[in-house]
Amino acid sequence: MADNNDENRALEDYAQPGVTEANLRMRVFPYTLKDRAKGWLMTLAPGSLTTWDAVAKKFLEKFFSTQKTATLRGQIFNFKQDDGEPFNECWERFKGLLLQCPHHGLPLYLQMQIFYDGLTQTCQSTVDNAAGGALKKKNAQESYHIYEMLGSNAQE
C-alpha cells in the first residue's frame, strides 16, 4: 500500500510552478482546432497573441460575427419551453444555447432567471416544489443544481 506522502509528492511533481490555467489554455488551444479554425490560426503572425484573453477575443471576432452573437443572445433572452416539451429536454436545449454562444456574458443568476421565466407554469411549480418553496429564495448555484436534479430525474 502506498504512503500518502507518495501521492502528495506525485501531485506536487505534476503541478508546474508558474504555469497558470491561462498559460495551459494557450498551449493546448492550437490542438483543439481543425479545418477553418486551424487555417485561421496558421495565418496569424507568430507571437501576435500573447495572452489567453487576446486569443479568445480574436477567435470570437473571427468566428462569431456581431450579427450571429446578437441572434444567439436573442434566442437565450427569449427562451421559452415548447408545448409538450419535457423538462429535461427543455433544460438541455437551454444549456445548448448557452454553449453555442460561449461569450454571452450572462452571469449565472441571470441565466437561471431566464430559464425559469421561460418555463410553463406547470414546470415552474415543479421547480418551486423541488426548491422547497419559491425558487427566487435560492441563489444561482442552488437553482442550477435544482435544474440539474430535475433534468436527471426526468431521464430515469
N, C-alpha and C. Protein backbone atom coordinates (compact mmCIF):
# COMPACT_ATOMS: atom_id res chain seq x y z
N MET A 1 0.84 -1.18 0.00
CA MET A 1 0.00 0.00 0.00
C MET A 1 0.89 1.24 0.00
N ALA A 2 0.53 2.22 -0.79
CA ALA A 2 1.35 3.42 -0.93
C ALA A 2 1.16 4.34 0.27
N ASP A 3 2.19 5.07 0.56
CA ASP A 3 2.17 6.07 1.62
C ASP A 3 1.50 7.33 1.09
N ASN A 4 0.71 8.02 1.92
CA ASN A 4 0.05 9.26 1.49
C ASN A 4 1.05 10.28 0.98
N ASN A 5 2.25 10.26 1.52
CA ASN A 5 3.26 11.20 1.06
C ASN A 5 3.62 10.96 -0.40
N ASP A 6 3.53 9.70 -0.85
CA ASP A 6 3.82 9.38 -2.25
C ASP A 6 2.82 10.06 -3.17
N GLU A 7 1.53 10.01 -2.79
CA GLU A 7 0.50 10.65 -3.61
C GLU A 7 0.69 12.16 -3.63
N ASN A 8 0.96 12.73 -2.46
CA ASN A 8 1.18 14.18 -2.40
C ASN A 8 2.38 14.59 -3.24
N ARG A 9 3.44 13.81 -3.18
CA ARG A 9 4.64 14.12 -3.95
C ARG A 9 4.34 14.02 -5.44
N ALA A 10 3.55 13.02 -5.83
CA ALA A 10 3.19 12.87 -7.24
C ALA A 10 2.41 14.09 -7.73
N LEU A 11 1.48 14.57 -6.92
CA LEU A 11 0.72 15.75 -7.30
C LEU A 11 1.60 16.98 -7.38
N GLU A 12 2.53 17.11 -6.44
CA GLU A 12 3.44 18.25 -6.47
C GLU A 12 4.33 18.20 -7.70
N ASP A 13 4.77 16.99 -8.08
CA ASP A 13 5.61 16.85 -9.27
C ASP A 13 4.84 17.20 -10.53
N TYR A 14 3.54 16.90 -10.54
CA TYR A 14 2.72 17.17 -11.72
C TYR A 14 2.46 18.66 -11.89
N ALA A 15 2.19 19.35 -10.80
CA ALA A 15 1.93 20.79 -10.87
C ALA A 15 3.21 21.51 -11.27
N GLN A 16 3.10 22.36 -12.25
CA GLN A 16 4.26 23.11 -12.73
C GLN A 16 4.23 24.52 -12.14
N PRO A 17 5.23 24.87 -11.37
CA PRO A 17 5.26 26.21 -10.79
C PRO A 17 5.23 27.27 -11.89
N GLY A 18 4.42 28.28 -11.68
CA GLY A 18 4.36 29.38 -12.64
C GLY A 18 3.49 29.13 -13.86
N VAL A 19 2.91 27.92 -13.97
CA VAL A 19 2.05 27.63 -15.12
C VAL A 19 0.60 27.87 -14.69
N THR A 20 0.03 28.92 -15.23
CA THR A 20 -1.34 29.26 -14.89
C THR A 20 -2.31 28.53 -15.81
N GLU A 21 -3.58 28.59 -15.46
CA GLU A 21 -4.60 27.99 -16.32
C GLU A 21 -4.60 28.67 -17.69
N ALA A 22 -4.40 29.98 -17.70
CA ALA A 22 -4.35 30.72 -18.97
C ALA A 22 -3.18 30.26 -19.83
N ASN A 23 -2.02 30.04 -19.20
CA ASN A 23 -0.86 29.53 -19.94
C ASN A 23 -1.15 28.16 -20.54
N LEU A 24 -1.79 27.33 -19.75
CA LEU A 24 -2.13 25.99 -20.22
C LEU A 24 -3.10 26.05 -21.40
N ARG A 25 -4.09 26.92 -21.30
CA ARG A 25 -5.03 27.08 -22.41
C ARG A 25 -4.31 27.53 -23.68
N MET A 26 -3.38 28.46 -23.52
CA MET A 26 -2.61 28.95 -24.68
C MET A 26 -1.87 27.80 -25.36
N ARG A 27 -1.32 26.90 -24.56
CA ARG A 27 -0.56 25.77 -25.10
C ARG A 27 -1.45 24.75 -25.80
N VAL A 28 -2.61 24.49 -25.23
CA VAL A 28 -3.49 23.43 -25.72
C VAL A 28 -4.38 23.90 -26.87
N PHE A 29 -4.73 25.17 -26.89
CA PHE A 29 -5.69 25.70 -27.86
C PHE A 29 -5.41 25.28 -29.30
N PRO A 30 -4.19 25.41 -29.81
CA PRO A 30 -3.96 25.03 -31.22
C PRO A 30 -4.34 23.58 -31.54
N TYR A 31 -4.23 22.70 -30.57
CA TYR A 31 -4.53 21.29 -30.79
C TYR A 31 -6.03 21.00 -30.78
N THR A 32 -6.82 21.96 -30.36
CA THR A 32 -8.27 21.77 -30.33
C THR A 32 -8.94 22.22 -31.62
N LEU A 33 -8.18 22.88 -32.48
CA LEU A 33 -8.75 23.44 -33.70
C LEU A 33 -8.64 22.48 -34.86
N LYS A 34 -9.57 22.65 -35.82
CA LYS A 34 -9.49 21.88 -37.06
C LYS A 34 -10.09 22.71 -38.19
N ASP A 35 -9.87 22.29 -39.39
CA ASP A 35 -10.43 22.89 -40.59
C ASP A 35 -10.19 24.40 -40.64
N ARG A 36 -11.27 25.17 -40.80
CA ARG A 36 -11.16 26.63 -40.96
C ARG A 36 -10.46 27.29 -39.78
N ALA A 37 -10.78 26.84 -38.59
CA ALA A 37 -10.20 27.46 -37.40
C ALA A 37 -8.69 27.22 -37.34
N LYS A 38 -8.26 26.04 -37.71
CA LYS A 38 -6.83 25.75 -37.71
C LYS A 38 -6.13 26.59 -38.77
N GLY A 39 -6.76 26.71 -39.95
CA GLY A 39 -6.21 27.56 -41.01
C GLY A 39 -6.10 29.00 -40.57
N TRP A 40 -7.12 29.49 -39.88
CA TRP A 40 -7.10 30.86 -39.37
C TRP A 40 -5.92 31.07 -38.44
N LEU A 41 -5.71 30.15 -37.52
CA LEU A 41 -4.62 30.28 -36.56
C LEU A 41 -3.27 30.33 -37.26
N MET A 42 -3.14 29.55 -38.32
CA MET A 42 -1.86 29.50 -39.06
C MET A 42 -1.56 30.81 -39.78
N THR A 43 -2.60 31.62 -40.06
CA THR A 43 -2.37 32.88 -40.77
C THR A 43 -1.95 34.02 -39.84
N LEU A 44 -2.07 33.82 -38.54
CA LEU A 44 -1.70 34.87 -37.60
C LEU A 44 -0.18 34.96 -37.48
N ALA A 45 0.30 36.17 -37.31
CA ALA A 45 1.74 36.37 -37.13
C ALA A 45 2.18 35.70 -35.84
N PRO A 46 3.29 34.95 -35.90
CA PRO A 46 3.79 34.30 -34.68
C PRO A 46 4.02 35.34 -33.57
N GLY A 47 3.58 35.02 -32.38
CA GLY A 47 3.77 35.91 -31.24
C GLY A 47 2.80 37.08 -31.18
N SER A 48 1.83 37.13 -32.10
CA SER A 48 0.90 38.26 -32.12
C SER A 48 -0.14 38.19 -31.00
N LEU A 49 -0.38 37.01 -30.50
CA LEU A 49 -1.33 36.83 -29.40
C LEU A 49 -0.57 36.29 -28.20
N THR A 50 -0.46 37.10 -27.18
CA THR A 50 0.39 36.72 -26.05
C THR A 50 -0.37 36.40 -24.77
N THR A 51 -1.69 36.62 -24.78
CA THR A 51 -2.48 36.28 -23.59
C THR A 51 -3.70 35.47 -24.02
N TRP A 52 -4.25 34.72 -23.08
CA TRP A 52 -5.44 33.93 -23.38
C TRP A 52 -6.61 34.84 -23.73
N ASP A 53 -6.75 35.95 -23.04
CA ASP A 53 -7.83 36.89 -23.34
C ASP A 53 -7.74 37.39 -24.78
N ALA A 54 -6.51 37.67 -25.24
CA ALA A 54 -6.32 38.14 -26.62
C ALA A 54 -6.69 37.05 -27.62
N VAL A 55 -6.31 35.82 -27.32
CA VAL A 55 -6.64 34.69 -28.20
C VAL A 55 -8.16 34.53 -28.29
N ALA A 56 -8.81 34.51 -27.13
CA ALA A 56 -10.27 34.32 -27.10
C ALA A 56 -10.97 35.45 -27.85
N LYS A 57 -10.53 36.68 -27.64
CA LYS A 57 -11.16 37.84 -28.30
C LYS A 57 -11.02 37.74 -29.81
N LYS A 58 -9.81 37.45 -30.28
CA LYS A 58 -9.55 37.37 -31.72
C LYS A 58 -10.34 36.22 -32.34
N PHE A 59 -10.38 35.08 -31.67
CA PHE A 59 -11.10 33.91 -32.17
C PHE A 59 -12.59 34.22 -32.29
N LEU A 60 -13.16 34.80 -31.25
CA LEU A 60 -14.59 35.10 -31.27
C LEU A 60 -14.93 36.17 -32.30
N GLU A 61 -14.03 37.14 -32.49
CA GLU A 61 -14.25 38.15 -33.54
C GLU A 61 -14.31 37.50 -34.91
N LYS A 62 -13.48 36.51 -35.12
CA LYS A 62 -13.40 35.84 -36.42
C LYS A 62 -14.60 34.92 -36.66
N PHE A 63 -14.96 34.14 -35.67
CA PHE A 63 -15.94 33.08 -35.89
C PHE A 63 -17.33 33.39 -35.34
N PHE A 64 -17.48 34.51 -34.66
CA PHE A 64 -18.79 34.93 -34.18
C PHE A 64 -19.01 36.38 -34.57
N SER A 65 -19.68 36.58 -35.69
CA SER A 65 -19.97 37.95 -36.12
C SER A 65 -20.88 38.61 -35.08
N THR A 66 -20.93 39.92 -35.11
CA THR A 66 -21.82 40.61 -34.17
C THR A 66 -23.27 40.22 -34.42
N GLN A 67 -23.60 39.97 -35.68
CA GLN A 67 -24.98 39.55 -36.01
C GLN A 67 -25.28 38.17 -35.42
N LYS A 68 -24.33 37.24 -35.57
CA LYS A 68 -24.53 35.90 -35.03
C LYS A 68 -24.64 35.95 -33.51
N THR A 69 -23.78 36.74 -32.90
CA THR A 69 -23.83 36.89 -31.44
C THR A 69 -25.16 37.47 -31.00
N ALA A 70 -25.62 38.51 -31.69
CA ALA A 70 -26.90 39.15 -31.34
C ALA A 70 -28.05 38.16 -31.49
N THR A 71 -28.01 37.36 -32.55
CA THR A 71 -29.07 36.36 -32.78
C THR A 71 -29.09 35.33 -31.66
N LEU A 72 -27.92 34.81 -31.31
CA LEU A 72 -27.84 33.80 -30.25
C LEU A 72 -28.24 34.37 -28.90
N ARG A 73 -27.78 35.58 -28.60
CA ARG A 73 -28.17 36.21 -27.33
C ARG A 73 -29.69 36.44 -27.29
N GLY A 74 -30.26 36.81 -28.43
CA GLY A 74 -31.71 36.98 -28.50
C GLY A 74 -32.44 35.69 -28.23
N GLN A 75 -31.92 34.57 -28.76
CA GLN A 75 -32.54 33.27 -28.52
C GLN A 75 -32.45 32.90 -27.03
N ILE A 76 -31.34 33.26 -26.40
CA ILE A 76 -31.19 32.99 -24.97
C ILE A 76 -32.19 33.83 -24.17
N PHE A 77 -32.21 35.13 -24.44
CA PHE A 77 -33.08 36.04 -23.68
C PHE A 77 -34.56 35.73 -23.89
N ASN A 78 -34.93 35.22 -25.06
CA ASN A 78 -36.33 34.94 -25.37
C ASN A 78 -36.68 33.46 -25.24
N PHE A 79 -35.88 32.72 -24.49
CA PHE A 79 -36.08 31.29 -24.36
C PHE A 79 -37.45 30.97 -23.77
N LYS A 80 -38.12 30.01 -24.39
CA LYS A 80 -39.42 29.52 -23.91
C LYS A 80 -39.47 28.01 -24.04
N GLN A 81 -40.08 27.37 -23.08
CA GLN A 81 -40.31 25.93 -23.14
C GLN A 81 -41.38 25.68 -24.20
N ASP A 82 -41.13 24.72 -25.08
CA ASP A 82 -42.10 24.38 -26.13
C ASP A 82 -43.27 23.61 -25.53
N ASP A 83 -44.43 23.73 -26.16
CA ASP A 83 -45.61 22.98 -25.72
C ASP A 83 -45.30 21.49 -25.72
N GLY A 84 -45.57 20.83 -24.62
CA GLY A 84 -45.36 19.39 -24.51
C GLY A 84 -43.91 18.98 -24.34
N GLU A 85 -43.00 19.93 -24.26
CA GLU A 85 -41.57 19.61 -24.13
C GLU A 85 -41.28 19.21 -22.68
N PRO A 86 -40.71 18.02 -22.49
CA PRO A 86 -40.37 17.59 -21.13
C PRO A 86 -39.29 18.51 -20.52
N PHE A 87 -39.31 18.60 -19.20
CA PHE A 87 -38.36 19.49 -18.51
C PHE A 87 -36.92 19.19 -18.90
N ASN A 88 -36.54 17.90 -18.88
CA ASN A 88 -35.14 17.56 -19.15
C ASN A 88 -34.71 18.00 -20.55
N GLU A 89 -35.58 17.86 -21.54
CA GLU A 89 -35.24 18.29 -22.90
C GLU A 89 -35.15 19.81 -22.98
N CYS A 90 -36.04 20.48 -22.27
CA CYS A 90 -36.03 21.94 -22.23
C CYS A 90 -34.72 22.44 -21.61
N TRP A 91 -34.32 21.86 -20.50
CA TRP A 91 -33.09 22.23 -19.80
C TRP A 91 -31.87 21.99 -20.68
N GLU A 92 -31.83 20.85 -21.34
CA GLU A 92 -30.70 20.55 -22.23
C GLU A 92 -30.66 21.52 -23.41
N ARG A 93 -31.81 21.87 -23.93
CA ARG A 93 -31.88 22.82 -25.05
C ARG A 93 -31.36 24.19 -24.62
N PHE A 94 -31.73 24.62 -23.42
CA PHE A 94 -31.26 25.91 -22.91
C PHE A 94 -29.74 25.89 -22.73
N LYS A 95 -29.22 24.83 -22.14
CA LYS A 95 -27.77 24.73 -21.95
C LYS A 95 -27.06 24.70 -23.29
N GLY A 96 -27.68 24.06 -24.28
CA GLY A 96 -27.11 24.04 -25.63
C GLY A 96 -27.02 25.43 -26.23
N LEU A 97 -28.04 26.25 -26.01
CA LEU A 97 -28.00 27.64 -26.50
C LEU A 97 -26.84 28.40 -25.86
N LEU A 98 -26.64 28.21 -24.57
CA LEU A 98 -25.54 28.88 -23.88
C LEU A 98 -24.20 28.45 -24.46
N LEU A 99 -24.08 27.17 -24.77
CA LEU A 99 -22.83 26.66 -25.35
C LEU A 99 -22.57 27.19 -26.75
N GLN A 100 -23.64 27.46 -27.50
CA GLN A 100 -23.49 27.99 -28.85
C GLN A 100 -22.94 29.41 -28.84
N CYS A 101 -23.07 30.09 -27.73
CA CYS A 101 -22.62 31.48 -27.61
C CYS A 101 -21.76 31.60 -26.34
N PRO A 102 -20.54 31.05 -26.37
CA PRO A 102 -19.74 30.99 -25.15
C PRO A 102 -19.37 32.36 -24.58
N HIS A 103 -19.51 33.38 -25.38
CA HIS A 103 -19.19 34.74 -24.93
C HIS A 103 -20.44 35.55 -24.63
N HIS A 104 -21.53 34.87 -24.25
CA HIS A 104 -22.80 35.55 -23.99
C HIS A 104 -22.69 36.57 -22.86
N GLY A 105 -21.79 36.35 -21.94
CA GLY A 105 -21.55 37.32 -20.88
C GLY A 105 -22.63 37.40 -19.81
N LEU A 106 -23.52 36.43 -19.79
CA LEU A 106 -24.62 36.46 -18.81
C LEU A 106 -24.19 35.78 -17.52
N PRO A 107 -24.30 36.48 -16.40
CA PRO A 107 -23.95 35.83 -15.13
C PRO A 107 -24.93 34.69 -14.84
N LEU A 108 -24.48 33.76 -14.03
CA LEU A 108 -25.27 32.57 -13.74
C LEU A 108 -26.65 32.92 -13.20
N TYR A 109 -26.74 33.91 -12.33
CA TYR A 109 -28.05 34.23 -11.77
C TYR A 109 -29.04 34.64 -12.85
N LEU A 110 -28.56 35.37 -13.87
CA LEU A 110 -29.44 35.80 -14.95
C LEU A 110 -29.82 34.62 -15.85
N GLN A 111 -28.87 33.72 -16.10
CA GLN A 111 -29.17 32.51 -16.87
C GLN A 111 -30.28 31.72 -16.19
N MET A 112 -30.16 31.55 -14.88
CA MET A 112 -31.15 30.77 -14.13
C MET A 112 -32.52 31.45 -14.15
N GLN A 113 -32.54 32.78 -14.08
CA GLN A 113 -33.80 33.52 -14.11
C GLN A 113 -34.45 33.44 -15.49
N ILE A 114 -33.65 33.57 -16.54
CA ILE A 114 -34.18 33.48 -17.91
C ILE A 114 -34.81 32.12 -18.13
N PHE A 115 -34.11 31.06 -17.69
CA PHE A 115 -34.64 29.71 -17.87
C PHE A 115 -35.97 29.55 -17.11
N TYR A 116 -35.99 29.96 -15.86
CA TYR A 116 -37.21 29.82 -15.04
C TYR A 116 -38.36 30.58 -15.68
N ASP A 117 -38.10 31.81 -16.10
CA ASP A 117 -39.16 32.63 -16.70
C ASP A 117 -39.70 32.03 -17.99
N GLY A 118 -38.88 31.23 -18.67
CA GLY A 118 -39.30 30.62 -19.92
C GLY A 118 -40.06 29.32 -19.76
N LEU A 119 -40.13 28.81 -18.55
CA LEU A 119 -40.83 27.56 -18.30
C LEU A 119 -42.34 27.77 -18.28
N THR A 120 -43.07 26.70 -18.56
CA THR A 120 -44.52 26.74 -18.42
C THR A 120 -44.84 26.88 -16.93
N GLN A 121 -46.06 27.30 -16.62
CA GLN A 121 -46.46 27.43 -15.21
C GLN A 121 -46.37 26.10 -14.47
N THR A 122 -46.70 25.03 -15.17
CA THR A 122 -46.63 23.70 -14.55
C THR A 122 -45.20 23.37 -14.15
N CYS A 123 -44.27 23.62 -15.05
CA CYS A 123 -42.86 23.33 -14.74
C CYS A 123 -42.32 24.29 -13.69
N GLN A 124 -42.76 25.54 -13.71
CA GLN A 124 -42.33 26.47 -12.66
C GLN A 124 -42.78 25.96 -11.29
N SER A 125 -43.98 25.42 -11.22
CA SER A 125 -44.49 24.87 -9.96
C SER A 125 -43.65 23.67 -9.52
N THR A 126 -43.27 22.83 -10.48
CA THR A 126 -42.43 21.67 -10.18
C THR A 126 -41.09 22.13 -9.62
N VAL A 127 -40.50 23.14 -10.25
CA VAL A 127 -39.22 23.69 -9.81
C VAL A 127 -39.36 24.27 -8.40
N ASP A 128 -40.40 25.05 -8.18
CA ASP A 128 -40.62 25.64 -6.86
C ASP A 128 -40.78 24.56 -5.79
N ASN A 129 -41.51 23.50 -6.11
CA ASN A 129 -41.66 22.39 -5.16
C ASN A 129 -40.32 21.75 -4.85
N ALA A 130 -39.50 21.55 -5.88
CA ALA A 130 -38.17 20.95 -5.69
C ALA A 130 -37.28 21.87 -4.86
N ALA A 131 -37.54 23.17 -4.95
CA ALA A 131 -36.75 24.15 -4.19
C ALA A 131 -37.24 24.27 -2.75
N GLY A 132 -38.34 23.59 -2.43
CA GLY A 132 -38.89 23.67 -1.09
C GLY A 132 -39.61 24.98 -0.84
N GLY A 133 -40.11 25.56 -1.89
CA GLY A 133 -40.79 26.85 -1.82
C GLY A 133 -40.49 27.61 -3.10
N ALA A 134 -40.43 28.90 -3.02
CA ALA A 134 -40.15 29.70 -4.21
C ALA A 134 -38.68 29.62 -4.59
N LEU A 135 -38.41 29.37 -5.87
CA LEU A 135 -37.03 29.28 -6.35
C LEU A 135 -36.29 30.59 -6.14
N LYS A 136 -37.01 31.71 -6.16
CA LYS A 136 -36.35 33.01 -6.03
C LYS A 136 -35.62 33.17 -4.69
N LYS A 137 -35.91 32.29 -3.74
CA LYS A 137 -35.20 32.32 -2.45
C LYS A 137 -33.86 31.60 -2.51
N LYS A 138 -33.58 30.95 -3.63
CA LYS A 138 -32.33 30.22 -3.79
C LYS A 138 -31.33 31.08 -4.55
N ASN A 139 -30.04 30.83 -4.32
CA ASN A 139 -29.03 31.54 -5.11
C ASN A 139 -28.85 30.83 -6.45
N ALA A 140 -28.06 31.42 -7.32
CA ALA A 140 -27.90 30.90 -8.68
C ALA A 140 -27.36 29.48 -8.69
N GLN A 141 -26.37 29.20 -7.86
CA GLN A 141 -25.77 27.87 -7.82
C GLN A 141 -26.79 26.83 -7.36
N GLU A 142 -27.57 27.17 -6.36
CA GLU A 142 -28.61 26.25 -5.87
C GLU A 142 -29.67 26.03 -6.95
N SER A 143 -30.03 27.08 -7.66
CA SER A 143 -31.01 26.95 -8.75
C SER A 143 -30.48 26.01 -9.82
N TYR A 144 -29.21 26.19 -10.17
CA TYR A 144 -28.60 25.33 -11.19
C TYR A 144 -28.67 23.87 -10.75
N HIS A 145 -28.34 23.60 -9.51
CA HIS A 145 -28.37 22.21 -9.02
C HIS A 145 -29.78 21.64 -9.02
N ILE A 146 -30.76 22.47 -8.72
CA ILE A 146 -32.15 22.01 -8.76
C ILE A 146 -32.53 21.65 -10.20
N TYR A 147 -32.17 22.50 -11.15
CA TYR A 147 -32.46 22.21 -12.56
C TYR A 147 -31.77 20.93 -13.00
N GLU A 148 -30.53 20.76 -12.61
CA GLU A 148 -29.79 19.55 -12.97
C GLU A 148 -30.45 18.31 -12.37
N MET A 149 -30.85 18.41 -11.11
CA MET A 149 -31.50 17.28 -10.45
C MET A 149 -32.81 16.92 -11.15
N LEU A 150 -33.63 17.93 -11.42
CA LEU A 150 -34.90 17.68 -12.10
C LEU A 150 -34.68 17.12 -13.50
N GLY A 151 -33.67 17.62 -14.17
CA GLY A 151 -33.36 17.14 -15.52
C GLY A 151 -32.90 15.69 -15.52
N SER A 152 -32.08 15.32 -14.54
CA SER A 152 -31.60 13.94 -14.50
C SER A 152 -32.69 13.00 -13.99
N ASN A 153 -33.53 13.45 -13.07
CA ASN A 153 -34.64 12.62 -12.58
C ASN A 153 -35.62 12.30 -13.70
N ALA A 154 -35.85 13.25 -14.58
CA ALA A 154 -36.80 13.06 -15.68
C ALA A 154 -36.29 12.04 -16.69
N GLN A 155 -34.97 11.86 -16.74
CA GLN A 155 -34.38 10.92 -17.71
C GLN A 155 -34.40 9.50 -17.19
N GLU A 156 -34.58 9.32 -15.90
CA GLU A 156 -34.54 7.96 -15.32
C GLU A 156 -35.81 7.20 -15.58
